[in-house]
């Protein structure tokens, strides 16, 4: 008997094994955010793992059934693809461990083969497909005036989540009410969960408003994210720590996020892969961050090159000796009394 696994994109839904049917639908009825089920096929690799609804990683095997949501991904270091690329005979990939479902059209040769699945059908109730938007946070008003610290990167895997955790931990130490949020990227729960474990009082991401990833039309992104910003505004935190997945120039609506946050941004931290990428982000996006972290600051030589190329300060937050300088940066920038 096959084991049914729920990816973390299903965490906002009310699924149980008995409250839906799995029905194959014509391709003309498919859309971003649809919940679907696929049977795992292929040969297992280390990517044959699913992040469940609590954020734990679960090994899956050929023959298991995985529930996820149709979406798109455009990762610079891993792979590119989407649900529209799923083959006519229903061959699919898990584009992320959260069970973002599509088909890779480009995939890094540095990684093992991604998880393969075959489409079993859409999750349906009373003849109607079930979608992420059915469970999305909604609001009839739109207000947002929360002071915001924004983390953005030169690419994926540039240290944004690691830096965000450190920010939450330092500010929790002084008793601040912090909310953590990941507002662009591809769905994955454990990144934002780590903010909760490091001092954030509450956490949210774009999954809460029905998006499997933010590779969607800009207007769709803006309409989806505003109810979440409104909700955070109602919670009245001292500070919102926002992680923007990928980089601002990738197709994840990073530029639209900057615009939605607007003048509420009180601090920006760029997490960069190397010193030269700092220059690239500055010139291409026209934003000068308050601080640089990430692999671009791994050694004193790297920090010195960042300073030489851009005039910006860099801190390696993984270096225990840099805890106090980073704390002082936050206190000064956020005007926190010592």
C-alpha atoms as a PDB file:
ATOM      1  CA  UNK A   1       0.000   0.000   0.000  1.00  0.00           C
ATOM      2  CA  UNK A   2       1.328   3.439  -0.950  1.00  0.00           C
ATOM      3  CA  UNK A   3       2.147   5.994   1.748  1.00  0.00           C
ATOM      4  CA  UNK A   4       0.655   9.448   1.235  1.00  0.00           C
ATOM      5  CA  UNK A   5       2.929  12.407   2.043  1.00  0.00           C
ATOM      6  CA  UNK A   6       1.792  16.013   2.368  1.00  0.00           C
ATOM      7  CA  UNK A   7       4.341  18.635   1.359  1.00  0.00           C
ATOM      8  CA  UNK A   8       4.563  21.790   3.441  1.00  0.00           C
ATOM      9  CA  UNK A   9       2.684  23.784   0.780  1.00  0.00           C
ATOM     10  CA  UNK A  10      -0.359  21.921   2.112  1.00  0.00           C
ATOM     11  CA  UNK A  11       0.108  23.293   5.658  1.00  0.00           C
ATOM     12  CA  UNK A  12      -2.534  25.998   5.174  1.00  0.00           C
ATOM     13  CA  UNK A  13      -5.156  23.461   4.029  1.00  0.00           C
ATOM     14  CA  UNK A  14      -7.442  21.206   6.089  1.00  0.00           C
ATOM     15  CA  UNK A  15      -6.573  17.959   4.369  1.00  0.00           C
ATOM     16  CA  UNK A  16      -7.168  14.556   5.888  1.00  0.00           C
ATOM     17  CA  UNK A  17      -7.071  11.274   4.038  1.00  0.00           C
ATOM     18  CA  UNK A  18     -10.846  11.096   3.770  1.00  0.00           C
ATOM     19  CA  UNK A  19     -11.947  14.616   2.863  1.00  0.00           C
ATOM     20  CA  UNK A  20     -10.997  14.818  -0.827  1.00  0.00           C
ATOM     21  CA  UNK A  21     -10.960  12.776  -4.000  1.00  0.00           C
ATOM     22  CA  UNK A  22      -8.052  12.495  -6.426  1.00  0.00           C
ATOM     23  CA  UNK A  23      -9.358  13.163  -9.939  1.00  0.00           C
ATOM     24  CA  UNK A  24      -7.495  13.593 -13.208  1.00  0.00           C
ATOM     25  CA  UNK A  25      -8.413  16.894 -14.854  1.00  0.00           C
ATOM     26  CA  UNK A  26      -7.924  18.140 -18.399  1.00  0.00           C
ATOM     27  CA  UNK A  27      -4.841  20.353 -18.773  1.00  0.00           C
ATOM     28  CA  UNK A  28      -7.053  23.302 -19.648  1.00  0.00           C
ATOM     29  CA  UNK A  29      -8.291  23.263 -16.023  1.00  0.00           C
ATOM     30  CA  UNK A  30      -4.813  23.382 -14.423  1.00  0.00           C
ATOM     31  CA  UNK A  31      -3.493  26.554 -12.763  1.00  0.00           C
ATOM     32  CA  UNK A  32      -0.860  27.814 -10.355  1.00  0.00           C
ATOM     33  CA  UNK A  33      -1.676  26.861  -6.780  1.00  0.00           C
ATOM     34  CA  UNK A  34      -3.780  23.782  -7.588  1.00  0.00           C
ATOM     35  CA  UNK A  35      -3.264  20.936  -5.141  1.00  0.00           C
ATOM     36  CA  UNK A  36      -2.248  17.749  -6.958  1.00  0.00           C
ATOM     37  CA  UNK A  37      -0.986  14.295  -6.095  1.00  0.00           C
ATOM     38  CA  UNK A  38       1.844  12.466  -7.798  1.00  0.00           C
ATOM     39  CA  UNK A  39       3.302   8.998  -7.441  1.00  0.00           C
ATOM     40  CA  UNK A  40       7.044   8.923  -6.800  1.00  0.00           C
ATOM     41  CA  UNK A  41       9.022   7.182  -9.547  1.00  0.00           C
ATOM     42  CA  UNK A  42      12.627   6.982 -10.709  1.00  0.00           C
ATOM     43  CA  UNK A  43      15.725   6.084  -8.710  1.00  0.00           C
ATOM     44  CA  UNK A  44      16.063   7.575  -5.236  1.00  0.00           C
ATOM     45  CA  UNK A  45      18.715  10.236  -4.622  1.00  0.00           C
ATOM     46  CA  UNK A  46      19.295  12.560  -1.672  1.00  0.00           C
ATOM     47  CA  UNK A  47      16.643  14.854  -3.192  1.00  0.00           C
ATOM     48  CA  UNK A  48      13.963  12.213  -2.592  1.00  0.00           C
ATOM     49  CA  UNK A  49      12.830  13.913   0.594  1.00  0.00           C
ATOM     50  CA  UNK A  50       9.709  15.925   1.331  1.00  0.00           C
ATOM     51  CA  UNK A  51       9.319  18.694   3.890  1.00  0.00           C
ATOM     52  CA  UNK A  52       6.076  17.882   5.704  1.00  0.00           C
ATOM     53  CA  UNK A  53       3.475  20.289   7.074  1.00  0.00           C
ATOM     54  CA  UNK A  54       5.447  20.804  10.289  1.00  0.00           C
ATOM     55  CA  UNK A  55       8.729  21.481   8.505  1.00  0.00           C
ATOM     56  CA  UNK A  56      10.326  18.078   9.135  1.00  0.00           C
ATOM     57  CA  UNK A  57      12.139  16.319   6.304  1.00  0.00           C
ATOM     58  CA  UNK A  58      10.725  12.896   5.379  1.00  0.00           C
ATOM     59  CA  UNK A  59      12.368  10.335   3.109  1.00  0.00           C
ATOM     60  CA  UNK A  60      10.132   9.146   0.254  1.00  0.00           C
ATOM     61  CA  UNK A  61      10.474   6.114  -1.978  1.00  0.00           C
ATOM     62  CA  UNK A  62       9.185   5.102  -5.408  1.00  0.00           C
ATOM     63  CA  UNK A  63       5.534   4.133  -5.051  1.00  0.00           C
ATOM     64  CA  UNK A  64       4.756   6.748  -2.382  1.00  0.00           C
ATOM     65  CA  UNK A  65       2.160   9.434  -3.107  1.00  0.00           C
ATOM     66  CA  UNK A  66       3.097  13.099  -2.637  1.00  0.00           C
ATOM     67  CA  UNK A  67       0.627  15.959  -2.345  1.00  0.00           C
ATOM     68  CA  UNK A  68       1.878  19.352  -3.427  1.00  0.00           C
ATOM     69  CA  UNK A  69       0.873  22.419  -5.435  1.00  0.00           C
ATOM     70  CA  UNK A  70       1.452  23.426  -9.045  1.00  0.00           C
ATOM     71  CA  UNK A  71       3.861  26.321  -9.418  1.00  0.00           C
ATOM     72  CA  UNK A  72       7.016  27.701 -10.973  1.00  0.00           C
ATOM     73  CA  UNK A  73      10.645  28.016  -9.942  1.00  0.00           C
ATOM     74  CA  UNK A  74      13.540  29.964 -11.453  1.00  0.00           C
ATOM     75  CA  UNK A  75      16.510  29.171  -9.217  1.00  0.00           C
ATOM     76  CA  UNK A  76      19.875  30.406 -10.471  1.00  0.00           C
ATOM     77  CA  UNK A  77      21.894  27.696  -8.703  1.00  0.00           C
ATOM     78  CA  UNK A  78      19.571  24.705  -8.872  1.00  0.00           C
ATOM     79  CA  UNK A  79      16.863  24.522 -11.523  1.00  0.00           C
ATOM     80  CA  UNK A  80      14.171  26.173 -13.615  1.00  0.00           C
ATOM     81  CA  UNK A  81      10.740  24.849 -14.501  1.00  0.00           C
ATOM     82  CA  UNK A  82       7.040  24.975 -13.852  1.00  0.00           C
ATOM     83  CA  UNK A  83       3.732  23.192 -14.073  1.00  0.00           C
ATOM     84  CA  UNK A  84       3.150  24.220 -17.695  1.00  0.00           C
ATOM     85  CA  UNK A  85       6.213  22.117 -18.604  1.00  0.00           C
ATOM     86  CA  UNK A  86       4.780  18.885 -17.170  1.00  0.00           C
ATOM     87  CA  UNK A  87       4.812  16.315 -19.956  1.00  0.00           C
ATOM     88  CA  UNK A  88       1.669  15.162 -21.727  1.00  0.00           C
ATOM     89  CA  UNK A  89       1.959  11.766 -20.068  1.00  0.00           C
ATOM     90  CA  UNK A  90       2.086  13.407 -16.632  1.00  0.00           C
ATOM     91  CA  UNK A  91       5.761  13.182 -15.730  1.00  0.00           C
ATOM     92  CA  UNK A  92       6.600  15.797 -13.094  1.00  0.00           C
ATOM     93  CA  UNK A  93       9.307  16.866 -10.640  1.00  0.00           C
ATOM     94  CA  UNK A  94       9.265  18.091  -7.082  1.00  0.00           C
ATOM     95  CA  UNK A  95      10.785  21.530  -7.725  1.00  0.00           C
ATOM     96  CA  UNK A  96      11.359  22.022  -3.989  1.00  0.00           C
ATOM     97  CA  UNK A  97      11.160  19.769  -0.961  1.00  0.00           C
ATOM     98  CA  UNK A  98       7.945  21.590   0.012  1.00  0.00           C
ATOM     99  CA  UNK A  99       6.361  19.783  -2.977  1.00  0.00           C
ATOM    100  CA  UNK A 100       6.225  22.653  -5.415  1.00  0.00           C
ATOM    101  CA  UNK A 101       5.199  20.616  -8.454  1.00  0.00           C
ATOM    102  CA  UNK A 102       6.282  21.203 -12.045  1.00  0.00           C
ATOM    103  CA  UNK A 103       8.818  19.915 -14.533  1.00  0.00           C
ATOM    104  CA  UNK A 104      12.444  21.031 -14.716  1.00  0.00           C
ATOM    105  CA  UNK A 105      13.514  22.348 -18.099  1.00  0.00           C
ATOM    106  CA  UNK A 106      16.973  23.269 -16.782  1.00  0.00           C
ATOM    107  CA  UNK A 107      18.734  21.645 -13.838  1.00  0.00           C
ATOM    108  CA  UNK A 108      22.232  22.018 -12.368  1.00  0.00           C
ATOM    109  CA  UNK A 109      24.642  19.190 -13.122  1.00  0.00           C
ATOM    110  CA  UNK A 110      26.137  19.744  -9.647  1.00  0.00           C
ATOM    111  CA  UNK A 111      23.072  18.170  -8.021  1.00  0.00           C
ATOM    112  CA  UNK A 112      21.759  14.596  -8.066  1.00  0.00           C
ATOM    113  CA  UNK A 113      18.650  13.874 -10.095  1.00  0.00           C
ATOM    114  CA  UNK A 114      15.524  15.578  -8.736  1.00  0.00           C
ATOM    115  CA  UNK A 115      12.532  13.645  -7.455  1.00  0.00           C
ATOM    116  CA  UNK A 116      10.380  12.298 -10.295  1.00  0.00           C
ATOM    117  CA  UNK A 117       6.635  11.824 -10.030  1.00  0.00           C
ATOM    118  CA  UNK A 118       3.722  10.840 -12.245  1.00  0.00           C
ATOM    119  CA  UNK A 119       0.486  12.817 -12.044  1.00  0.00           C
ATOM    120  CA  UNK A 120      -2.282  10.909 -10.256  1.00  0.00           C
ATOM    121  CA  UNK A 121      -4.781  13.750 -10.250  1.00  0.00           C
ATOM    122  CA  UNK A 122      -6.029  16.937  -8.637  1.00  0.00           C
ATOM    123  CA  UNK A 123      -7.427  17.030  -5.143  1.00  0.00           C
ATOM    124  CA  UNK A 124     -11.154  17.683  -5.544  1.00  0.00           C
ATOM    125  CA  UNK A 125     -14.252  18.156  -3.418  1.00  0.00           C
ATOM    126  CA  UNK A 126     -17.762  17.880  -4.801  1.00  0.00           C
ATOM    127  CA  UNK A 127     -16.348  17.891  -8.331  1.00  0.00           C
ATOM    128  CA  UNK A 128     -14.348  21.101  -7.776  1.00  0.00           C
ATOM    129  CA  UNK A 129     -10.568  21.264  -7.577  1.00  0.00           C
ATOM    130  CA  UNK A 130      -9.010  22.405  -4.306  1.00  0.00           C
ATOM    131  CA  UNK A 131      -6.511  25.287  -4.550  1.00  0.00           C
ATOM    132  CA  UNK A 132      -4.161  27.117  -2.202  1.00  0.00           C
ATOM    133  CA  UNK A 133      -6.205  30.284  -2.618  1.00  0.00           C
ATOM    134  CA  UNK A 134      -9.159  28.515  -0.963  1.00  0.00           C
ATOM    135  CA  UNK A 135      -7.246  28.747   2.329  1.00  0.00           C
ATOM    136  CA  UNK A 136      -5.449  32.062   1.763  1.00  0.00           C
ATOM    137  CA  UNK A 137      -5.411  34.899   4.275  1.00  0.00           C
ATOM    138  CA  UNK A 138      -7.749  37.706   3.185  1.00  0.00           C
ATOM    139  CA  UNK A 139      -8.444  41.278   4.176  1.00  0.00           C
ATOM    140  CA  UNK A 140     -10.885  43.962   3.086  1.00  0.00           C
ATOM    141  CA  UNK A 141      -8.480  46.710   4.115  1.00  0.00           C
ATOM    142  CA  UNK A 142      -4.855  47.487   3.307  1.00  0.00           C
ATOM    143  CA  UNK A 143      -2.668  49.272   5.816  1.00  0.00           C
ATOM    144  CA  UNK A 144       0.996  48.820   6.596  1.00  0.00           C
ATOM    145  CA  UNK A 145       3.264  51.057   8.662  1.00  0.00           C
ATOM    146  CA  UNK A 146       5.500  48.609  10.535  1.00  0.00           C
ATOM    147  CA  UNK A 147       9.240  49.415  10.759  1.00  0.00           C
ATOM    148  CA  UNK A 148      10.915  46.806   8.576  1.00  0.00           C
ATOM    149  CA  UNK A 149      14.405  45.333   8.318  1.00  0.00           C
ATOM    150  CA  UNK A 150      14.812  43.882   4.827  1.00  0.00           C
ATOM    151  CA  UNK A 151      17.239  41.099   3.946  1.00  0.00           C
ATOM    152  CA  UNK A 152      17.925  40.592   0.251  1.00  0.00           C
ATOM    153  CA  UNK A 153      20.583  38.735  -1.668  1.00  0.00           C
ATOM    154  CA  UNK A 154      22.804  38.649  -4.711  1.00  0.00           C
ATOM    155  CA  UNK A 155      21.423  35.163  -5.390  1.00  0.00           C
ATOM    156  CA  UNK A 156      19.918  32.182  -3.633  1.00  0.00           C
ATOM    157  CA  UNK A 157      22.071  30.538  -0.944  1.00  0.00           C
ATOM    158  CA  UNK A 158      23.772  33.823  -0.102  1.00  0.00           C
ATOM    159  CA  UNK A 159      23.162  33.737   3.650  1.00  0.00           C
ATOM    160  CA  UNK A 160      19.818  35.541   4.014  1.00  0.00           C
ATOM    161  CA  UNK A 161      18.200  33.047   6.382  1.00  0.00           C
ATOM    162  CA  UNK A 162      21.363  32.729   8.471  1.00  0.00           C
ATOM    163  CA  UNK A 163      21.538  36.508   8.832  1.00  0.00           C
ATOM    164  CA  UNK A 164      17.825  36.718   9.590  1.00  0.00           C
ATOM    165  CA  UNK A 165      18.161  34.207  12.403  1.00  0.00           C
ATOM    166  CA  UNK A 166      20.952  36.256  13.922  1.00  0.00           C
ATOM    167  CA  UNK A 167      18.894  39.440  13.688  1.00  0.00           C
ATOM    168  CA  UNK A 168      15.957  37.781  15.467  1.00  0.00           C
ATOM    169  CA  UNK A 169      18.201  36.384  18.188  1.00  0.00           C
ATOM    170  CA  UNK A 170      19.924  39.702  18.902  1.00  0.00           C
ATOM    171  CA  UNK A 171      16.688  41.681  19.025  1.00  0.00           C
ATOM    172  CA  UNK A 172      14.896  39.079  21.123  1.00  0.00           C
ATOM    173  CA  UNK A 173      17.691  39.442  23.686  1.00  0.00           C
ATOM    174  CA  UNK A 174      16.616  43.033  24.294  1.00  0.00           C
ATOM    175  CA  UNK A 175      12.920  42.145  24.515  1.00  0.00           C
ATOM    176  CA  UNK A 176      11.718  43.383  21.138  1.00  0.00           C
ATOM    177  CA  UNK A 177       8.506  41.962  19.665  1.00  0.00           C
ATOM    178  CA  UNK A 178       9.714  40.684  16.292  1.00  0.00           C
ATOM    179  CA  UNK A 179       7.724  39.151  13.451  1.00  0.00           C
ATOM    180  CA  UNK A 180       9.649  37.236  10.810  1.00  0.00           C
ATOM    181  CA  UNK A 181       8.421  36.871   7.235  1.00  0.00           C
ATOM    182  CA  UNK A 182       9.679  35.454   3.960  1.00  0.00           C
ATOM    183  CA  UNK A 183       7.810  37.341   1.271  1.00  0.00           C
ATOM    184  CA  UNK A 184       9.396  36.241  -2.008  1.00  0.00           C
ATOM    185  CA  UNK A 185      10.929  32.983  -3.209  1.00  0.00           C
ATOM    186  CA  UNK A 186       9.841  29.381  -3.690  1.00  0.00           C
ATOM    187  CA  UNK A 187       7.816  27.678  -0.970  1.00  0.00           C
ATOM    188  CA  UNK A 188       9.804  26.056   1.836  1.00  0.00           C
ATOM    189  CA  UNK A 189       8.802  26.167   5.491  1.00  0.00           C
ATOM    190  CA  UNK A 190      11.971  25.386   7.437  1.00  0.00           C
ATOM    191  CA  UNK A 191      13.699  28.670   6.579  1.00  0.00           C
ATOM    192  CA  UNK A 192      11.058  30.825   8.192  1.00  0.00           C
ATOM    193  CA  UNK A 193      10.549  28.279  11.009  1.00  0.00           C
ATOM    194  CA  UNK A 194      14.152  28.935  12.016  1.00  0.00           C
ATOM    195  CA  UNK A 195      13.211  32.573  12.695  1.00  0.00           C
ATOM    196  CA  UNK A 196      10.612  31.367  15.193  1.00  0.00           C
ATOM    197  CA  UNK A 197      13.215  29.193  16.915  1.00  0.00           C
ATOM    198  CA  UNK A 198      15.559  32.173  17.225  1.00  0.00           C
ATOM    199  CA  UNK A 199      13.310  34.749  18.825  1.00  0.00           C
ATOM    200  CA  UNK A 200      10.617  35.870  16.383  1.00  0.00           C
ATOM    201  CA  UNK A 201       7.229  35.871  18.150  1.00  0.00           C
ATOM    202  CA  UNK A 202       5.315  35.050  14.930  1.00  0.00           C
ATOM    203  CA  UNK A 203       6.243  33.999  11.394  1.00  0.00           C
ATOM    204  CA  UNK A 204       4.537  34.254   8.004  1.00  0.00           C
ATOM    205  CA  UNK A 205       5.298  33.731   4.341  1.00  0.00           C
ATOM    206  CA  UNK A 206       3.656  33.966   0.926  1.00  0.00           C
ATOM    207  CA  UNK A 207       2.215  30.464   1.345  1.00  0.00           C
ATOM    208  CA  UNK A 208      -0.152  31.995   3.924  1.00  0.00           C
ATOM    209  CA  UNK A 209      -1.707  34.035   1.122  1.00  0.00           C
ATOM    210  CA  UNK A 210      -2.017  31.142  -1.317  1.00  0.00           C
ATOM    211  CA  UNK A 211       1.172  31.377  -3.398  1.00  0.00           C
ATOM    212  CA  UNK A 212       3.335  28.255  -3.948  1.00  0.00           C
ATOM    213  CA  UNK A 213       6.124  30.566  -5.128  1.00  0.00           C
ATOM    214  CA  UNK A 214       6.255  34.231  -6.080  1.00  0.00           C
ATOM    215  CA  UNK A 215       7.050  33.503  -9.739  1.00  0.00           C
ATOM    216  CA  UNK A 216       3.642  34.892 -10.692  1.00  0.00           C
ATOM    217  CA  UNK A 217       2.454  38.010 -12.530  1.00  0.00           C
ATOM    218  CA  UNK A 218       3.295  41.154 -10.565  1.00  0.00           C
ATOM    219  CA  UNK A 219      -0.319  42.160 -10.032  1.00  0.00           C
ATOM    220  CA  UNK A 220      -1.133  38.709  -8.659  1.00  0.00           C
ATOM    221  CA  UNK A 221       1.769  39.013  -6.233  1.00  0.00           C
ATOM    222  CA  UNK A 222       0.736  42.462  -5.030  1.00  0.00           C
ATOM    223  CA  UNK A 223      -2.897  41.448  -4.532  1.00  0.00           C
ATOM    224  CA  UNK A 224      -1.839  38.356  -2.601  1.00  0.00           C
ATOM    225  CA  UNK A 225       0.781  39.956  -0.347  1.00  0.00           C
ATOM    226  CA  UNK A 226      -1.238  42.984   0.785  1.00  0.00           C
ATOM    227  CA  UNK A 227      -3.603  41.033   3.093  1.00  0.00           C
ATOM    228  CA  UNK A 228      -0.546  39.560   4.813  1.00  0.00           C
ATOM    229  CA  UNK A 229       1.050  42.980   5.297  1.00  0.00           C
ATOM    230  CA  UNK A 230      -2.282  44.222   6.629  1.00  0.00           C
ATOM    231  CA  UNK A 231      -2.423  41.313   9.089  1.00  0.00           C
ATOM    232  CA  UNK A 232       1.132  41.977  10.281  1.00  0.00           C
ATOM    233  CA  UNK A 233       0.229  45.643  10.703  1.00  0.00           C
ATOM    234  CA  UNK A 234      -2.689  44.619  12.956  1.00  0.00           C
ATOM    235  CA  UNK A 235      -0.319  42.529  15.105  1.00  0.00           C
ATOM    236  CA  UNK A 236       1.687  45.702  15.909  1.00  0.00           C
ATOM    237  CA  UNK A 237       5.204  44.272  16.248  1.00  0.00           C
ATOM    238  CA  UNK A 238       8.170  46.456  17.148  1.00  0.00           C
ATOM    239  CA  UNK A 239       9.898  45.348  13.953  1.00  0.00           C
ATOM    240  CA  UNK A 240       9.220  43.159  10.932  1.00  0.00           C
ATOM    241  CA  UNK A 241      12.224  41.174   9.697  1.00  0.00           C
ATOM    242  CA  UNK A 242      11.597  40.366   6.024  1.00  0.00           C
ATOM    243  CA  UNK A 243      13.584  37.933   3.933  1.00  0.00           C
ATOM    244  CA  UNK A 244      13.310  38.375   0.183  1.00  0.00           C
ATOM    245  CA  UNK A 245      14.172  35.071  -1.479  1.00  0.00           C
ATOM    246  CA  UNK A 246      16.627  34.926  -4.386  1.00  0.00           C
ATOM    247  CA  UNK A 247      17.790  38.360  -5.641  1.00  0.00           C
ATOM    248  CA  UNK A 248      15.747  41.451  -6.550  1.00  0.00           C
ATOM    249  CA  UNK A 249      16.358  41.015 -10.274  1.00  0.00           C
ATOM    250  CA  UNK A 250      15.177  37.415 -10.514  1.00  0.00           C
ATOM    251  CA  UNK A 251      11.533  36.762 -11.507  1.00  0.00           C
ATOM    252  CA  UNK A 252      10.265  36.430  -7.924  1.00  0.00           C
ATOM    253  CA  UNK A 253       8.780  39.955  -7.659  1.00  0.00           C
ATOM    254  CA  UNK A 254      11.549  41.292  -5.440  1.00  0.00           C
ATOM    255  CA  UNK A 255      11.230  44.757  -6.946  1.00  0.00           C
ATOM    256  CA  UNK A 256       7.474  44.783  -6.281  1.00  0.00           C
ATOM    257  CA  UNK A 257       8.153  43.776  -2.674  1.00  0.00           C
ATOM    258  CA  UNK A 258      10.509  46.732  -2.204  1.00  0.00           C
ATOM    259  CA  UNK A 259       7.736  48.960  -3.490  1.00  0.00           C
ATOM    260  CA  UNK A 260       5.056  47.423  -1.241  1.00  0.00           C
ATOM    261  CA  UNK A 261       7.222  47.866   1.858  1.00  0.00           C
ATOM    262  CA  UNK A 262       8.056  51.411   0.798  1.00  0.00           C
ATOM    263  CA  UNK A 263       9.230  53.951   3.373  1.00  0.00           C
ATOM    264  CA  UNK A 264       8.681  51.452   6.190  1.00  0.00           C
ATOM    265  CA  UNK A 265      12.104  49.952   5.422  1.00  0.00           C
ATOM    266  CA  UNK A 266      14.436  51.227   8.155  1.00  0.00           C
ATOM    267  CA  UNK A 267      17.388  48.922   7.499  1.00  0.00           C
ATOM    268  CA  UNK A 268      18.639  46.887   4.531  1.00  0.00           C
ATOM    269  CA  UNK A 269      21.163  44.054   4.674  1.00  0.00           C
ATOM    270  CA  UNK A 270      22.570  42.583   1.465  1.00  0.00           C
ATOM    271  CA  UNK A 271      23.670  38.962   1.717  1.00  0.00           C
ATOM    272  CA  UNK A 272      26.128  38.434  -1.115  1.00  0.00           C
ATOM    273  CA  UNK A 273      27.921  35.452  -2.600  1.00  0.00           C
ATOM    274  CA  UNK A 274      31.161  37.362  -3.326  1.00  0.00           C
ATOM    275  CA  UNK A 275      32.439  40.962  -3.266  1.00  0.00           C
ATOM    276  CA  UNK A 276      31.888  41.551  -6.973  1.00  0.00           C
ATOM    277  CA  UNK A 277      28.234  40.535  -6.716  1.00  0.00           C
ATOM    278  CA  UNK A 278      27.748  43.435  -4.290  1.00  0.00           C
ATOM    279  CA  UNK A 279      28.762  45.779  -7.094  1.00  0.00           C
ATOM    280  CA  UNK A 280      26.411  43.993  -9.484  1.00  0.00           C
ATOM    281  CA  UNK A 281      23.381  44.344  -7.206  1.00  0.00           C
ATOM    282  CA  UNK A 282      24.142  48.010  -6.507  1.00  0.00           C
ATOM    283  CA  UNK A 283      24.452  48.907 -10.170  1.00  0.00           C
ATOM    284  CA  UNK A 284      21.671  46.716 -11.526  1.00  0.00           C
ATOM    285  CA  UNK A 285      19.084  47.397  -8.833  1.00  0.00           C
ATOM    286  CA  UNK A 286      20.113  50.858  -7.692  1.00  0.00           C
ATOM    287  CA  UNK A 287      19.983  50.060  -3.954  1.00  0.00           C
ATOM    288  CA  UNK A 288      22.752  50.811  -1.470  1.00  0.00           C
ATOM    289  CA  UNK A 289      22.425  48.490   1.550  1.00  0.00           C
ATOM    290  CA  UNK A 290      23.346  49.463   5.087  1.00  0.00           C
ATOM    291  CA  UNK A 291      25.478  46.338   5.561  1.00  0.00           C
ATOM    292  CA  UNK A 292      26.867  43.358   3.636  1.00  0.00           C
ATOM    293  CA  UNK A 293      26.928  39.814   5.055  1.00  0.00           C
ATOM    294  CA  UNK A 294      27.144  36.309   3.605  1.00  0.00           C
ATOM    295  CA  UNK A 295      30.005  34.535   1.779  1.00  0.00           C
ATOM    296  CA  UNK A 296      31.217  37.926   0.497  1.00  0.00           C
ATOM    297  CA  UNK A 297      32.463  38.569   4.043  1.00  0.00           C
ATOM    298  CA  UNK A 298      34.032  35.178   4.840  1.00  0.00           C
ATOM    299  CA  UNK A 299      37.563  36.544   5.343  1.00  0.00           C
ATOM    300  CA  UNK A 300      39.171  39.885   6.121  1.00  0.00           C
ATOM    301  CA  UNK A 301      40.358  39.987   2.513  1.00  0.00           C
ATOM    302  CA  UNK A 302      36.772  39.644   1.290  1.00  0.00           C
ATOM    303  CA  UNK A 303      35.532  42.339   3.687  1.00  0.00           C
ATOM    304  CA  UNK A 304      38.366  44.601   2.532  1.00  0.00           C
ATOM    305  CA  UNK A 305      37.479  44.049  -1.121  1.00  0.00           C
ATOM    306  CA  UNK A 306      33.803  44.835  -0.468  1.00  0.00           C
ATOM    307  CA  UNK A 307      34.921  48.096   1.152  1.00  0.00           C
ATOM    308  CA  UNK A 308      37.306  48.896  -1.717  1.00  0.00           C
ATOM    309  CA  UNK A 309      34.764  48.182  -4.449  1.00  0.00           C
ATOM    310  CA  UNK A 310      31.669  49.732  -2.867  1.00  0.00           C
ATOM    311  CA  UNK A 311      32.578  51.674   0.248  1.00  0.00           C
ATOM    312  CA  UNK A 312      30.211  49.422   2.233  1.00  0.00           C
ATOM    313  CA  UNK A 313      30.898  47.757   5.544  1.00  0.00           C
ATOM    314  CA  UNK A 314      30.797  43.985   5.758  1.00  0.00           C
ATOM    315  CA  UNK A 315      30.425  41.671   8.749  1.00  0.00           C
ATOM    316  CA  UNK A 316      30.901  37.920   8.842  1.00  0.00           C
ATOM    317  CA  UNK A 317      28.124  36.981  11.247  1.00  0.00           C
ATOM    318  CA  UNK A 318      29.421  33.399  11.477  1.00  0.00           C
ATOM    319  CA  UNK A 319      32.570  34.644  13.193  1.00  0.00           C
ATOM    320  CA  UNK A 320      32.020  34.659  16.983  1.00  0.00           C
ATOM    321  CA  UNK A 321      34.295  37.690  17.237  1.00  0.00           C
ATOM    322  CA  UNK A 322      31.845  39.644  15.060  1.00  0.00           C
ATOM    323  CA  UNK A 323      28.804  39.186  17.323  1.00  0.00           C
ATOM    324  CA  UNK A 324      29.406  42.420  19.166  1.00  0.00           C
ATOM    325  CA  UNK A 325      30.067  44.543  16.040  1.00  0.00           C
ATOM    326  CA  UNK A 326      26.892  43.157  14.455  1.00  0.00           C
ATOM    327  CA  UNK A 327      24.935  43.872  17.636  1.00  0.00           C
ATOM    328  CA  UNK A 328      26.244  47.433  17.662  1.00  0.00           C
ATOM    329  CA  UNK A 329      25.295  47.867  14.009  1.00  0.00           C
ATOM    330  CA  UNK A 330      21.719  46.813  14.761  1.00  0.00           C
ATOM    331  CA  UNK A 331      21.456  48.975  17.852  1.00  0.00           C
ATOM    332  CA  UNK A 332      22.777  52.037  16.030  1.00  0.00           C
ATOM    333  CA  UNK A 333      20.701  51.568  12.900  1.00  0.00           C
ATOM    334  CA  UNK A 334      17.472  50.760  14.746  1.00  0.00           C
ATOM    335  CA  UNK A 335      18.118  53.344  17.480  1.00  0.00           C
ATOM    336  CA  UNK A 336      17.933  50.803  20.281  1.00  0.00           C
ATOM    337  CA  UNK A 337      19.054  52.063  23.681  1.00  0.00           C
ATOM    338  CA  UNK A 338      21.982  50.156  25.147  1.00  0.00           C
END
